[in-house]
Amino acid sequence: MHEPRRAALLVDVEGRACLVVGGGRAGAAKAARLADAGAAVTVVDPRPQAAATDDRLRIERRGFEDGDVAGTWLVVAATDDGALNDRVAAVAEAAGVWVNRADRPDGGPACLVAVHAQGPVQVAVGTSGLSPALGVWLRDRVAEAIGPSVGRLAELLDERGRHASGRREHRGLPFDAALERLRAGDEDGARRLLGVPVGAGGRDGSR
């Protein structure tokens, strides 16, 4: 079985124009995930069906036109017509626009994966399209394991600042012990372990 070679990359789509071609169940699900992340999503489909119920989406009830990709940042090909999806992908790639395909197990060049966010910490889980449900299950297990305090841990590390060179140096810090302090509500203890000034934030680390 061919397994695509991918580089893990988290991107910020907030406010960016994204196009979803196909407004059925698959297209609506992809469009909703992009809208959840703050993207400006347009759905093109003569009969959008499922997508038409989401008032966050701009719906264009017509067929796809090559010019639709102009000015977009990401295109999702999500129709039930493989030839049309091929055309959408080819036009987008020729324009230098990232493409996700709902009709390919691996998602195509750009794959949407299950993401858990806790403050500044984001964890992404993918299965190369073999089982999105498994990806969601793993994401939820990871979220349960790390708990909410890991977001506060990242915020405290940010308070350490940078060296004169502009680099951050966090290697060797007692992350496990500091996280346990935060889970117990002892933020000052976590600060001492991390070398962060005590009393600078004064927030309850148990959140």
N, C-alpha and C. Protein backbone atom coordinates (compact mmCIF):
# COMPACT_ATOMS: atom_id res chain seq x y z
N MET A 1 0.84 -1.20 0.00
CA MET A 1 0.00 0.00 0.00
C MET A 1 0.88 1.25 0.00
N HIS A 2 0.56 2.19 -0.88
CA HIS A 2 1.33 3.43 -0.95
C HIS A 2 0.94 4.34 0.20
N GLU A 3 1.93 4.78 0.95
CA GLU A 3 1.69 5.73 2.04
C GLU A 3 2.33 7.06 1.67
N PRO A 4 1.53 8.11 1.54
CA PRO A 4 2.09 9.40 1.13
C PRO A 4 3.09 9.92 2.14
N ARG A 5 4.16 10.50 1.64
CA ARG A 5 5.16 11.12 2.51
C ARG A 5 4.75 12.56 2.74
N ARG A 6 4.53 12.90 4.00
CA ARG A 6 4.01 14.22 4.32
C ARG A 6 4.90 14.92 5.35
N ALA A 7 4.90 16.22 5.27
CA ALA A 7 5.51 17.04 6.30
C ALA A 7 4.38 17.63 7.14
N ALA A 8 4.44 17.45 8.46
CA ALA A 8 3.39 17.98 9.32
C ALA A 8 3.46 19.51 9.31
N LEU A 9 2.32 20.14 9.05
CA LEU A 9 2.27 21.59 8.92
C LEU A 9 0.92 22.08 9.41
N LEU A 10 0.92 22.93 10.43
CA LEU A 10 -0.31 23.55 10.90
C LEU A 10 -0.40 24.94 10.28
N VAL A 11 -1.53 25.26 9.70
CA VAL A 11 -1.68 26.55 9.04
C VAL A 11 -2.88 27.29 9.64
N ASP A 12 -2.80 28.61 9.62
CA ASP A 12 -3.86 29.46 10.15
C ASP A 12 -4.75 29.89 8.98
N VAL A 13 -6.00 29.43 8.98
CA VAL A 13 -6.91 29.78 7.88
C VAL A 13 -7.87 30.89 8.26
N GLU A 14 -7.74 31.46 9.44
CA GLU A 14 -8.68 32.49 9.87
C GLU A 14 -8.68 33.66 8.89
N GLY A 15 -9.86 33.98 8.38
CA GLY A 15 -10.01 35.09 7.46
C GLY A 15 -9.58 34.80 6.03
N ARG A 16 -9.07 33.61 5.77
CA ARG A 16 -8.59 33.27 4.42
C ARG A 16 -9.74 32.70 3.58
N ALA A 17 -9.67 33.00 2.29
CA ALA A 17 -10.71 32.54 1.37
C ALA A 17 -10.47 31.08 1.01
N CYS A 18 -11.46 30.25 1.26
CA CYS A 18 -11.40 28.84 0.93
C CYS A 18 -12.61 28.48 0.08
N LEU A 19 -12.39 27.63 -0.91
CA LEU A 19 -13.45 27.23 -1.83
C LEU A 19 -13.72 25.73 -1.69
N VAL A 20 -14.98 25.38 -1.53
CA VAL A 20 -15.38 23.98 -1.49
C VAL A 20 -16.29 23.73 -2.69
N VAL A 21 -15.87 22.82 -3.57
CA VAL A 21 -16.68 22.48 -4.74
C VAL A 21 -17.43 21.20 -4.41
N GLY A 22 -18.73 21.33 -4.22
CA GLY A 22 -19.55 20.20 -3.80
C GLY A 22 -20.18 20.48 -2.45
N GLY A 23 -21.51 20.50 -2.43
CA GLY A 23 -22.20 20.84 -1.19
C GLY A 23 -22.96 19.71 -0.56
N GLY A 24 -22.58 18.46 -0.90
CA GLY A 24 -23.20 17.31 -0.26
C GLY A 24 -22.63 17.07 1.12
N ARG A 25 -22.81 15.86 1.63
CA ARG A 25 -22.38 15.57 2.99
C ARG A 25 -20.88 15.78 3.18
N ALA A 26 -20.07 15.26 2.25
CA ALA A 26 -18.62 15.40 2.39
C ALA A 26 -18.19 16.85 2.30
N GLY A 27 -18.72 17.56 1.31
CA GLY A 27 -18.36 18.97 1.15
C GLY A 27 -18.80 19.81 2.33
N ALA A 28 -20.02 19.54 2.83
CA ALA A 28 -20.52 20.29 3.98
C ALA A 28 -19.65 20.07 5.21
N ALA A 29 -19.19 18.83 5.41
CA ALA A 29 -18.35 18.53 6.57
C ALA A 29 -17.01 19.26 6.47
N LYS A 30 -16.41 19.25 5.27
CA LYS A 30 -15.14 19.96 5.08
C LYS A 30 -15.33 21.45 5.26
N ALA A 31 -16.40 21.98 4.68
CA ALA A 31 -16.66 23.42 4.79
C ALA A 31 -16.88 23.82 6.24
N ALA A 32 -17.59 22.99 7.01
CA ALA A 32 -17.84 23.30 8.41
C ALA A 32 -16.55 23.34 9.21
N ARG A 33 -15.63 22.40 8.93
CA ARG A 33 -14.36 22.40 9.65
C ARG A 33 -13.56 23.65 9.35
N LEU A 34 -13.57 24.08 8.11
CA LEU A 34 -12.85 25.31 7.75
C LEU A 34 -13.51 26.53 8.40
N ALA A 35 -14.84 26.56 8.40
CA ALA A 35 -15.55 27.67 9.04
C ALA A 35 -15.29 27.69 10.54
N ASP A 36 -15.21 26.51 11.15
CA ASP A 36 -14.90 26.43 12.58
C ASP A 36 -13.56 27.09 12.88
N ALA A 37 -12.63 26.99 11.92
CA ALA A 37 -11.29 27.56 12.09
C ALA A 37 -11.22 29.02 11.67
N GLY A 38 -12.37 29.59 11.28
CA GLY A 38 -12.41 31.02 10.98
C GLY A 38 -12.20 31.37 9.53
N ALA A 39 -12.18 30.37 8.63
CA ALA A 39 -11.99 30.65 7.22
C ALA A 39 -13.24 31.28 6.61
N ALA A 40 -13.05 32.02 5.53
CA ALA A 40 -14.16 32.56 4.74
C ALA A 40 -14.45 31.55 3.64
N VAL A 41 -15.51 30.78 3.79
CA VAL A 41 -15.75 29.61 2.94
C VAL A 41 -16.86 29.87 1.94
N THR A 42 -16.56 29.59 0.67
CA THR A 42 -17.56 29.62 -0.39
C THR A 42 -17.78 28.20 -0.88
N VAL A 43 -19.04 27.81 -1.02
CA VAL A 43 -19.39 26.49 -1.54
C VAL A 43 -20.06 26.68 -2.89
N VAL A 44 -19.53 25.98 -3.90
CA VAL A 44 -20.09 26.04 -5.25
C VAL A 44 -20.72 24.70 -5.58
N ASP A 45 -22.02 24.71 -5.87
CA ASP A 45 -22.74 23.48 -6.20
C ASP A 45 -24.13 23.87 -6.70
N PRO A 46 -24.57 23.31 -7.83
CA PRO A 46 -25.92 23.64 -8.30
C PRO A 46 -27.01 23.26 -7.30
N ARG A 47 -26.77 22.17 -6.56
CA ARG A 47 -27.72 21.71 -5.55
C ARG A 47 -26.94 21.41 -4.26
N PRO A 48 -26.67 22.43 -3.45
CA PRO A 48 -25.75 22.27 -2.31
C PRO A 48 -26.24 21.35 -1.19
N GLN A 49 -27.52 21.10 -1.08
CA GLN A 49 -28.05 20.16 -0.09
C GLN A 49 -27.52 20.45 1.32
N ALA A 50 -26.67 19.58 1.86
CA ALA A 50 -26.26 19.68 3.26
C ALA A 50 -25.60 21.01 3.59
N ALA A 51 -24.76 21.52 2.69
CA ALA A 51 -24.03 22.75 2.98
C ALA A 51 -24.96 23.95 3.12
N ALA A 52 -26.12 23.90 2.48
CA ALA A 52 -27.04 25.03 2.49
C ALA A 52 -27.61 25.31 3.87
N THR A 53 -27.50 24.37 4.79
CA THR A 53 -28.05 24.56 6.13
C THR A 53 -27.08 25.30 7.06
N ASP A 54 -25.85 25.55 6.62
CA ASP A 54 -24.84 26.21 7.46
C ASP A 54 -24.76 27.68 7.05
N ASP A 55 -25.28 28.56 7.91
CA ASP A 55 -25.36 29.98 7.54
C ASP A 55 -24.01 30.70 7.60
N ARG A 56 -22.95 29.99 7.98
CA ARG A 56 -21.61 30.60 7.97
C ARG A 56 -20.99 30.55 6.58
N LEU A 57 -21.58 29.77 5.70
CA LEU A 57 -21.01 29.54 4.38
C LEU A 57 -21.66 30.43 3.32
N ARG A 58 -20.85 30.85 2.36
CA ARG A 58 -21.38 31.55 1.20
C ARG A 58 -21.70 30.49 0.15
N ILE A 59 -22.96 30.41 -0.24
CA ILE A 59 -23.41 29.36 -1.17
C ILE A 59 -23.63 29.96 -2.55
N GLU A 60 -23.00 29.35 -3.56
CA GLU A 60 -23.22 29.74 -4.95
C GLU A 60 -23.82 28.54 -5.67
N ARG A 61 -25.10 28.66 -6.04
CA ARG A 61 -25.84 27.54 -6.64
C ARG A 61 -25.60 27.50 -8.15
N ARG A 62 -24.45 26.96 -8.52
CA ARG A 62 -24.06 26.85 -9.92
C ARG A 62 -22.92 25.85 -10.03
N GLY A 63 -22.51 25.57 -11.25
CA GLY A 63 -21.40 24.68 -11.47
C GLY A 63 -20.06 25.38 -11.27
N PHE A 64 -19.02 24.57 -11.14
CA PHE A 64 -17.67 25.09 -10.95
C PHE A 64 -17.16 25.75 -12.23
N GLU A 65 -16.47 26.89 -12.05
CA GLU A 65 -15.80 27.57 -13.15
C GLU A 65 -14.32 27.72 -12.80
N ASP A 66 -13.45 27.60 -13.80
CA ASP A 66 -12.02 27.64 -13.54
C ASP A 66 -11.61 28.90 -12.77
N GLY A 67 -12.27 30.01 -13.06
CA GLY A 67 -11.93 31.27 -12.40
C GLY A 67 -12.26 31.31 -10.92
N ASP A 68 -13.00 30.31 -10.43
CA ASP A 68 -13.38 30.31 -9.02
C ASP A 68 -12.19 30.19 -8.09
N VAL A 69 -11.08 29.61 -8.57
CA VAL A 69 -9.92 29.41 -7.70
C VAL A 69 -9.13 30.69 -7.50
N ALA A 70 -9.36 31.70 -8.32
CA ALA A 70 -8.59 32.95 -8.22
C ALA A 70 -8.81 33.59 -6.85
N GLY A 71 -7.72 33.92 -6.18
CA GLY A 71 -7.80 34.58 -4.89
C GLY A 71 -8.09 33.67 -3.72
N THR A 72 -8.19 32.36 -3.97
CA THR A 72 -8.44 31.43 -2.87
C THR A 72 -7.13 30.88 -2.33
N TRP A 73 -7.17 30.42 -1.10
CA TRP A 73 -5.99 29.91 -0.43
C TRP A 73 -5.99 28.40 -0.36
N LEU A 74 -7.19 27.82 -0.33
CA LEU A 74 -7.35 26.37 -0.29
C LEU A 74 -8.61 26.01 -1.06
N VAL A 75 -8.52 24.95 -1.87
CA VAL A 75 -9.67 24.45 -2.61
C VAL A 75 -9.94 23.02 -2.18
N VAL A 76 -11.20 22.70 -1.92
CA VAL A 76 -11.61 21.34 -1.58
C VAL A 76 -12.48 20.81 -2.71
N ALA A 77 -12.05 19.71 -3.32
CA ALA A 77 -12.85 19.04 -4.35
C ALA A 77 -13.66 17.96 -3.68
N ALA A 78 -14.98 18.15 -3.60
CA ALA A 78 -15.82 17.24 -2.81
C ALA A 78 -17.10 16.86 -3.54
N THR A 79 -17.02 16.70 -4.86
CA THR A 79 -18.21 16.28 -5.59
C THR A 79 -18.21 14.75 -5.71
N ASP A 80 -19.30 14.20 -6.23
CA ASP A 80 -19.37 12.76 -6.47
C ASP A 80 -18.99 12.42 -7.91
N ASP A 81 -18.39 13.39 -8.61
CA ASP A 81 -17.96 13.23 -9.99
C ASP A 81 -16.43 13.25 -10.02
N GLY A 82 -15.81 12.08 -10.19
CA GLY A 82 -14.35 12.01 -10.16
C GLY A 82 -13.69 12.86 -11.20
N ALA A 83 -14.27 12.93 -12.40
CA ALA A 83 -13.68 13.75 -13.46
C ALA A 83 -13.71 15.23 -13.09
N LEU A 84 -14.80 15.65 -12.49
CA LEU A 84 -14.90 17.05 -12.07
C LEU A 84 -13.89 17.34 -10.96
N ASN A 85 -13.75 16.42 -10.01
CA ASN A 85 -12.76 16.60 -8.96
C ASN A 85 -11.35 16.70 -9.55
N ASP A 86 -11.07 15.88 -10.57
CA ASP A 86 -9.78 15.95 -11.26
C ASP A 86 -9.57 17.34 -11.84
N ARG A 87 -10.59 17.86 -12.47
CA ARG A 87 -10.49 19.19 -13.09
C ARG A 87 -10.28 20.27 -12.04
N VAL A 88 -11.06 20.21 -10.97
CA VAL A 88 -10.91 21.20 -9.89
C VAL A 88 -9.49 21.17 -9.34
N ALA A 89 -8.98 19.97 -9.08
CA ALA A 89 -7.63 19.83 -8.54
C ALA A 89 -6.59 20.34 -9.51
N ALA A 90 -6.74 20.02 -10.79
CA ALA A 90 -5.76 20.44 -11.79
C ALA A 90 -5.73 21.96 -11.92
N VAL A 91 -6.90 22.59 -11.94
CA VAL A 91 -6.97 24.05 -12.06
C VAL A 91 -6.34 24.71 -10.84
N ALA A 92 -6.66 24.19 -9.66
CA ALA A 92 -6.13 24.77 -8.42
C ALA A 92 -4.61 24.62 -8.35
N GLU A 93 -4.11 23.42 -8.67
CA GLU A 93 -2.68 23.20 -8.60
C GLU A 93 -1.93 24.06 -9.61
N ALA A 94 -2.52 24.25 -10.79
CA ALA A 94 -1.90 25.11 -11.80
C ALA A 94 -1.81 26.55 -11.33
N ALA A 95 -2.76 26.94 -10.46
CA ALA A 95 -2.77 28.31 -9.93
C ALA A 95 -1.96 28.43 -8.66
N GLY A 96 -1.33 27.33 -8.23
CA GLY A 96 -0.52 27.37 -7.01
C GLY A 96 -1.34 27.38 -5.74
N VAL A 97 -2.56 26.83 -5.81
CA VAL A 97 -3.46 26.80 -4.65
C VAL A 97 -3.47 25.39 -4.06
N TRP A 98 -3.43 25.30 -2.76
CA TRP A 98 -3.49 24.00 -2.09
C TRP A 98 -4.82 23.33 -2.36
N VAL A 99 -4.79 21.99 -2.48
CA VAL A 99 -5.98 21.23 -2.81
C VAL A 99 -6.18 20.08 -1.82
N ASN A 100 -7.41 19.94 -1.36
CA ASN A 100 -7.81 18.78 -0.59
C ASN A 100 -8.90 18.07 -1.37
N ARG A 101 -8.81 16.72 -1.43
CA ARG A 101 -9.81 15.96 -2.18
C ARG A 101 -10.56 15.03 -1.24
N ALA A 102 -11.88 15.19 -1.23
CA ALA A 102 -12.72 14.35 -0.37
C ALA A 102 -12.88 12.95 -0.93
N ASP A 103 -12.55 12.75 -2.23
CA ASP A 103 -12.72 11.44 -2.84
C ASP A 103 -11.46 10.61 -2.84
N ARG A 104 -10.43 11.06 -2.13
CA ARG A 104 -9.20 10.29 -2.01
C ARG A 104 -8.94 9.96 -0.55
N PRO A 105 -8.62 8.72 -0.24
CA PRO A 105 -8.40 8.33 1.16
C PRO A 105 -7.34 9.18 1.84
N ASP A 106 -6.30 9.57 1.11
CA ASP A 106 -5.22 10.34 1.73
C ASP A 106 -5.50 11.84 1.73
N GLY A 107 -6.62 12.26 1.15
CA GLY A 107 -6.98 13.68 1.16
C GLY A 107 -6.34 14.49 0.06
N GLY A 108 -5.47 13.88 -0.71
CA GLY A 108 -4.79 14.63 -1.75
C GLY A 108 -3.61 15.40 -1.20
N PRO A 109 -3.14 16.40 -1.93
CA PRO A 109 -1.95 17.15 -1.50
C PRO A 109 -2.07 17.78 -0.10
N ALA A 110 -3.26 18.28 0.23
CA ALA A 110 -3.47 18.90 1.54
C ALA A 110 -4.52 18.11 2.30
N CYS A 111 -4.14 17.52 3.42
CA CYS A 111 -5.04 16.66 4.18
C CYS A 111 -5.54 17.38 5.43
N LEU A 112 -6.85 17.33 5.66
CA LEU A 112 -7.42 17.90 6.88
C LEU A 112 -7.43 16.81 7.95
N VAL A 113 -6.78 17.07 9.07
CA VAL A 113 -6.66 16.06 10.11
C VAL A 113 -7.42 16.48 11.35
N ALA A 114 -7.55 15.56 12.30
CA ALA A 114 -8.24 15.84 13.56
C ALA A 114 -7.30 16.64 14.47
N VAL A 115 -7.77 17.77 14.97
CA VAL A 115 -6.94 18.68 15.76
C VAL A 115 -7.57 18.93 17.12
N HIS A 116 -6.73 18.90 18.16
CA HIS A 116 -7.16 19.31 19.50
C HIS A 116 -6.35 20.53 19.89
N ALA A 117 -7.02 21.58 20.33
CA ALA A 117 -6.34 22.81 20.74
C ALA A 117 -6.62 23.09 22.20
N GLN A 118 -5.56 23.38 22.95
CA GLN A 118 -5.68 23.76 24.35
C GLN A 118 -4.80 24.99 24.55
N GLY A 119 -5.43 26.17 24.49
CA GLY A 119 -4.63 27.38 24.53
C GLY A 119 -3.71 27.41 23.31
N PRO A 120 -2.43 27.71 23.51
CA PRO A 120 -1.51 27.76 22.38
C PRO A 120 -1.04 26.39 21.90
N VAL A 121 -1.40 25.33 22.61
CA VAL A 121 -0.96 23.98 22.25
C VAL A 121 -1.96 23.36 21.28
N GLN A 122 -1.45 22.82 20.18
CA GLN A 122 -2.29 22.13 19.21
C GLN A 122 -1.70 20.76 18.91
N VAL A 123 -2.55 19.76 18.92
CA VAL A 123 -2.13 18.39 18.61
C VAL A 123 -2.95 17.91 17.43
N ALA A 124 -2.27 17.47 16.37
CA ALA A 124 -2.95 17.00 15.16
C ALA A 124 -2.71 15.50 15.00
N VAL A 125 -3.77 14.78 14.62
CA VAL A 125 -3.69 13.33 14.43
C VAL A 125 -4.26 12.98 13.06
N GLY A 126 -3.49 12.25 12.27
CA GLY A 126 -3.96 11.81 10.97
C GLY A 126 -3.70 10.33 10.78
N THR A 127 -4.44 9.70 9.86
CA THR A 127 -4.27 8.28 9.58
C THR A 127 -4.06 8.04 8.09
N SER A 128 -3.58 9.07 7.37
CA SER A 128 -3.40 8.98 5.91
C SER A 128 -4.69 8.59 5.21
N GLY A 129 -5.80 8.99 5.80
CA GLY A 129 -7.10 8.72 5.21
C GLY A 129 -7.65 7.34 5.42
N LEU A 130 -6.91 6.47 6.11
CA LEU A 130 -7.38 5.11 6.30
C LEU A 130 -8.63 5.05 7.18
N SER A 131 -8.69 5.92 8.20
CA SER A 131 -9.86 5.93 9.06
C SER A 131 -9.95 7.27 9.79
N PRO A 132 -10.67 8.25 9.22
CA PRO A 132 -10.86 9.52 9.93
C PRO A 132 -11.47 9.33 11.31
N ALA A 133 -12.34 8.32 11.46
CA ALA A 133 -12.95 8.07 12.77
C ALA A 133 -11.89 7.68 13.79
N LEU A 134 -10.91 6.89 13.36
CA LEU A 134 -9.82 6.53 14.26
C LEU A 134 -9.01 7.76 14.63
N GLY A 135 -8.80 8.66 13.66
CA GLY A 135 -8.07 9.89 13.95
C GLY A 135 -8.76 10.73 15.01
N VAL A 136 -10.09 10.83 14.90
CA VAL A 136 -10.86 11.58 15.90
C VAL A 136 -10.77 10.91 17.26
N TRP A 137 -10.88 9.58 17.27
CA TRP A 137 -10.78 8.83 18.53
C TRP A 137 -9.42 9.04 19.18
N LEU A 138 -8.35 8.96 18.40
CA LEU A 138 -7.01 9.18 18.94
C LEU A 138 -6.84 10.60 19.44
N ARG A 139 -7.38 11.56 18.70
CA ARG A 139 -7.30 12.95 19.15
C ARG A 139 -7.96 13.12 20.51
N ASP A 140 -9.14 12.52 20.67
CA ASP A 140 -9.85 12.65 21.94
C ASP A 140 -9.09 11.96 23.07
N ARG A 141 -8.45 10.83 22.76
CA ARG A 141 -7.65 10.15 23.78
C ARG A 141 -6.45 11.00 24.18
N VAL A 142 -5.81 11.63 23.21
CA VAL A 142 -4.67 12.50 23.51
C VAL A 142 -5.13 13.69 24.34
N ALA A 143 -6.26 14.28 23.97
CA ALA A 143 -6.78 15.42 24.72
C ALA A 143 -7.06 15.05 26.16
N GLU A 144 -7.62 13.85 26.37
CA GLU A 144 -7.90 13.38 27.73
C GLU A 144 -6.62 13.15 28.51
N ALA A 145 -5.60 12.65 27.81
CA ALA A 145 -4.34 12.32 28.49
C ALA A 145 -3.58 13.57 28.92
N ILE A 146 -3.53 14.57 28.06
CA ILE A 146 -2.71 15.75 28.39
C ILE A 146 -3.46 16.73 29.29
N GLY A 147 -4.79 16.76 29.20
CA GLY A 147 -5.57 17.62 30.07
C GLY A 147 -5.44 19.09 29.72
N PRO A 148 -6.25 19.92 30.34
CA PRO A 148 -6.28 21.35 30.00
C PRO A 148 -5.07 22.14 30.49
N SER A 149 -4.36 21.65 31.50
CA SER A 149 -3.27 22.44 32.08
C SER A 149 -2.07 22.59 31.15
N VAL A 150 -1.99 21.76 30.10
CA VAL A 150 -0.84 21.86 29.21
C VAL A 150 -0.83 23.20 28.47
N GLY A 151 -2.00 23.79 28.26
CA GLY A 151 -2.06 25.11 27.63
C GLY A 151 -1.40 26.16 28.51
N ARG A 152 -1.68 26.09 29.82
CA ARG A 152 -1.07 27.04 30.75
C ARG A 152 0.44 26.81 30.85
N LEU A 153 0.86 25.56 30.75
CA LEU A 153 2.29 25.25 30.76
C LEU A 153 2.99 25.97 29.61
N ALA A 154 2.40 25.94 28.43
CA ALA A 154 2.99 26.63 27.28
C ALA A 154 3.05 28.13 27.51
N GLU A 155 2.00 28.69 28.14
CA GLU A 155 1.99 30.12 28.40
C GLU A 155 3.09 30.52 29.38
N LEU A 156 3.33 29.67 30.38
CA LEU A 156 4.41 29.97 31.32
C LEU A 156 5.77 29.91 30.64
N LEU A 157 5.95 28.95 29.74
CA LEU A 157 7.22 28.86 29.02
C LEU A 157 7.45 30.11 28.19
N ASP A 158 6.39 30.69 27.67
CA ASP A 158 6.52 31.91 26.88
C ASP A 158 7.02 33.06 27.73
N GLU A 159 6.72 33.03 29.04
CA GLU A 159 7.16 34.10 29.93
C GLU A 159 8.67 34.04 30.21
N ARG A 160 9.30 32.92 29.86
CA ARG A 160 10.75 32.84 30.05
C ARG A 160 11.51 33.77 29.11
N GLY A 161 10.83 34.19 28.06
CA GLY A 161 11.47 35.10 27.12
C GLY A 161 12.50 34.40 26.25
N ARG A 162 13.33 35.19 25.60
CA ARG A 162 14.33 34.68 24.68
C ARG A 162 15.73 35.12 25.10
N HIS A 163 16.72 34.37 24.62
CA HIS A 163 18.10 34.77 24.83
C HIS A 163 18.41 35.96 23.93
N ALA A 164 19.56 36.57 24.17
CA ALA A 164 19.98 37.71 23.35
C ALA A 164 20.04 37.34 21.88
N SER A 165 20.28 36.07 21.59
CA SER A 165 20.35 35.60 20.20
C SER A 165 18.97 35.49 19.57
N GLY A 166 17.92 35.63 20.38
CA GLY A 166 16.56 35.49 19.88
C GLY A 166 16.02 34.08 19.98
N ARG A 167 16.85 33.14 20.44
CA ARG A 167 16.42 31.76 20.53
C ARG A 167 15.79 31.46 21.88
N ARG A 168 14.87 30.52 21.89
CA ARG A 168 14.32 30.01 23.14
C ARG A 168 15.08 28.75 23.51
N GLU A 169 15.29 28.53 24.79
CA GLU A 169 15.98 27.32 25.23
C GLU A 169 15.17 26.66 26.32
N HIS A 170 14.42 25.63 25.93
CA HIS A 170 13.54 24.94 26.87
C HIS A 170 13.96 23.49 27.08
N ARG A 171 15.00 23.05 26.41
CA ARG A 171 15.43 21.67 26.57
C ARG A 171 15.91 21.42 28.00
N GLY A 172 15.55 20.26 28.53
CA GLY A 172 15.99 19.88 29.87
C GLY A 172 15.11 20.39 30.98
N LEU A 173 14.09 21.18 30.66
CA LEU A 173 13.19 21.67 31.71
C LEU A 173 12.29 20.52 32.20
N PRO A 174 11.91 20.56 33.47
CA PRO A 174 11.09 19.47 34.06
C PRO A 174 9.61 19.63 33.72
N PHE A 175 9.26 19.35 32.47
CA PHE A 175 7.88 19.53 32.02
C PHE A 175 6.90 18.68 32.82
N ASP A 176 7.24 17.42 33.06
CA ASP A 176 6.33 16.53 33.79
C ASP A 176 6.02 17.08 35.18
N ALA A 177 7.06 17.46 35.90
CA ALA A 177 6.87 17.95 37.26
C ALA A 177 6.09 19.26 37.27
N ALA A 178 6.40 20.13 36.32
CA ALA A 178 5.71 21.42 36.25
C ALA A 178 4.23 21.22 35.92
N LEU A 179 3.94 20.27 35.03
CA LEU A 179 2.55 20.01 34.67
C LEU A 179 1.79 19.45 35.85
N GLU A 180 2.42 18.60 36.64
CA GLU A 180 1.76 18.06 37.83
C GLU A 180 1.45 19.18 38.82
N ARG A 181 2.36 20.14 38.94
CA ARG A 181 2.09 21.28 39.83
C ARG A 181 0.87 22.06 39.34
N LEU A 182 0.79 22.29 38.04
CA LEU A 182 -0.34 23.04 37.49
C LEU A 182 -1.64 22.27 37.70
N ARG A 183 -1.61 20.96 37.51
CA ARG A 183 -2.82 20.16 37.72
C ARG A 183 -3.28 20.19 39.16
N ALA A 184 -2.34 20.39 40.08
CA ALA A 184 -2.67 20.47 41.50
C ALA A 184 -3.05 21.88 41.92
N GLY A 185 -3.02 22.83 40.98
CA GLY A 185 -3.36 24.22 41.29
C GLY A 185 -2.21 25.02 41.86
N ASP A 186 -0.99 24.49 41.81
CA ASP A 186 0.18 25.17 42.37
C ASP A 186 0.98 25.82 41.24
N GLU A 187 0.48 26.96 40.75
CA GLU A 187 1.17 27.62 39.64
C GLU A 187 2.53 28.18 40.08
N ASP A 188 2.60 28.71 41.32
CA ASP A 188 3.89 29.24 41.77
C ASP A 188 4.95 28.14 41.77
N GLY A 189 4.57 26.93 42.17
CA GLY A 189 5.51 25.81 42.15
C GLY A 189 5.97 25.50 40.74
N ALA A 190 5.03 25.55 39.80
CA ALA A 190 5.38 25.31 38.40
C ALA A 190 6.32 26.39 37.89
N ARG A 191 6.07 27.62 38.29
CA ARG A 191 6.94 28.72 37.86
C ARG A 191 8.36 28.52 38.36
N ARG A 192 8.49 28.11 39.60
CA ARG A 192 9.84 27.90 40.15
C ARG A 192 10.58 26.81 39.38
N LEU A 193 9.86 25.74 39.07
CA LEU A 193 10.49 24.64 38.33
C LEU A 193 10.94 25.08 36.94
N LEU A 194 10.19 25.97 36.34
CA LEU A 194 10.48 26.40 34.97
C LEU A 194 11.39 27.62 34.90
N GLY A 195 11.70 28.19 36.06
CA GLY A 195 12.53 29.39 36.05
C GLY A 195 11.79 30.62 35.60
N VAL A 196 10.49 30.68 35.91
CA VAL A 196 9.65 31.82 35.54
C VAL A 196 9.37 32.62 36.80
N PRO A 197 9.43 33.95 36.74
CA PRO A 197 9.18 34.77 37.93
C PRO A 197 7.85 34.43 38.59
N VAL A 198 7.86 34.26 39.90
CA VAL A 198 6.65 33.94 40.65
C VAL A 198 5.82 35.20 40.84
N GLY A 199 4.50 35.03 40.68
CA GLY A 199 3.60 36.16 40.90
C GLY A 199 3.36 37.01 39.68
N ALA A 200 4.01 36.67 38.56
CA ALA A 200 3.84 37.50 37.37
C ALA A 200 2.44 37.40 36.80
N GLY A 201 1.87 36.17 36.89
CA GLY A 201 0.52 36.00 36.33
C GLY A 201 -0.51 35.75 37.41
N GLY A 202 -0.16 34.89 38.37
CA GLY A 202 -1.03 34.62 39.50
C GLY A 202 -2.31 33.89 39.15
N ARG A 203 -2.34 33.16 37.99
CA ARG A 203 -3.56 32.46 37.62
C ARG A 203 -3.59 31.07 38.21
N ASP A 204 -4.77 30.57 38.34
CA ASP A 204 -4.96 29.22 38.89
C ASP A 204 -4.59 28.20 37.82
N GLY A 205 -3.54 27.42 38.07
CA GLY A 205 -3.07 26.47 37.07
C GLY A 205 -3.93 25.25 36.93
N SER A 206 -5.00 25.12 37.71
CA SER A 206 -5.82 23.90 37.60
C SER A 206 -6.85 23.99 36.50
N ARG A 207 -6.95 25.13 35.81
CA ARG A 207 -8.01 25.29 34.82
C ARG A 207 -7.83 24.36 33.64
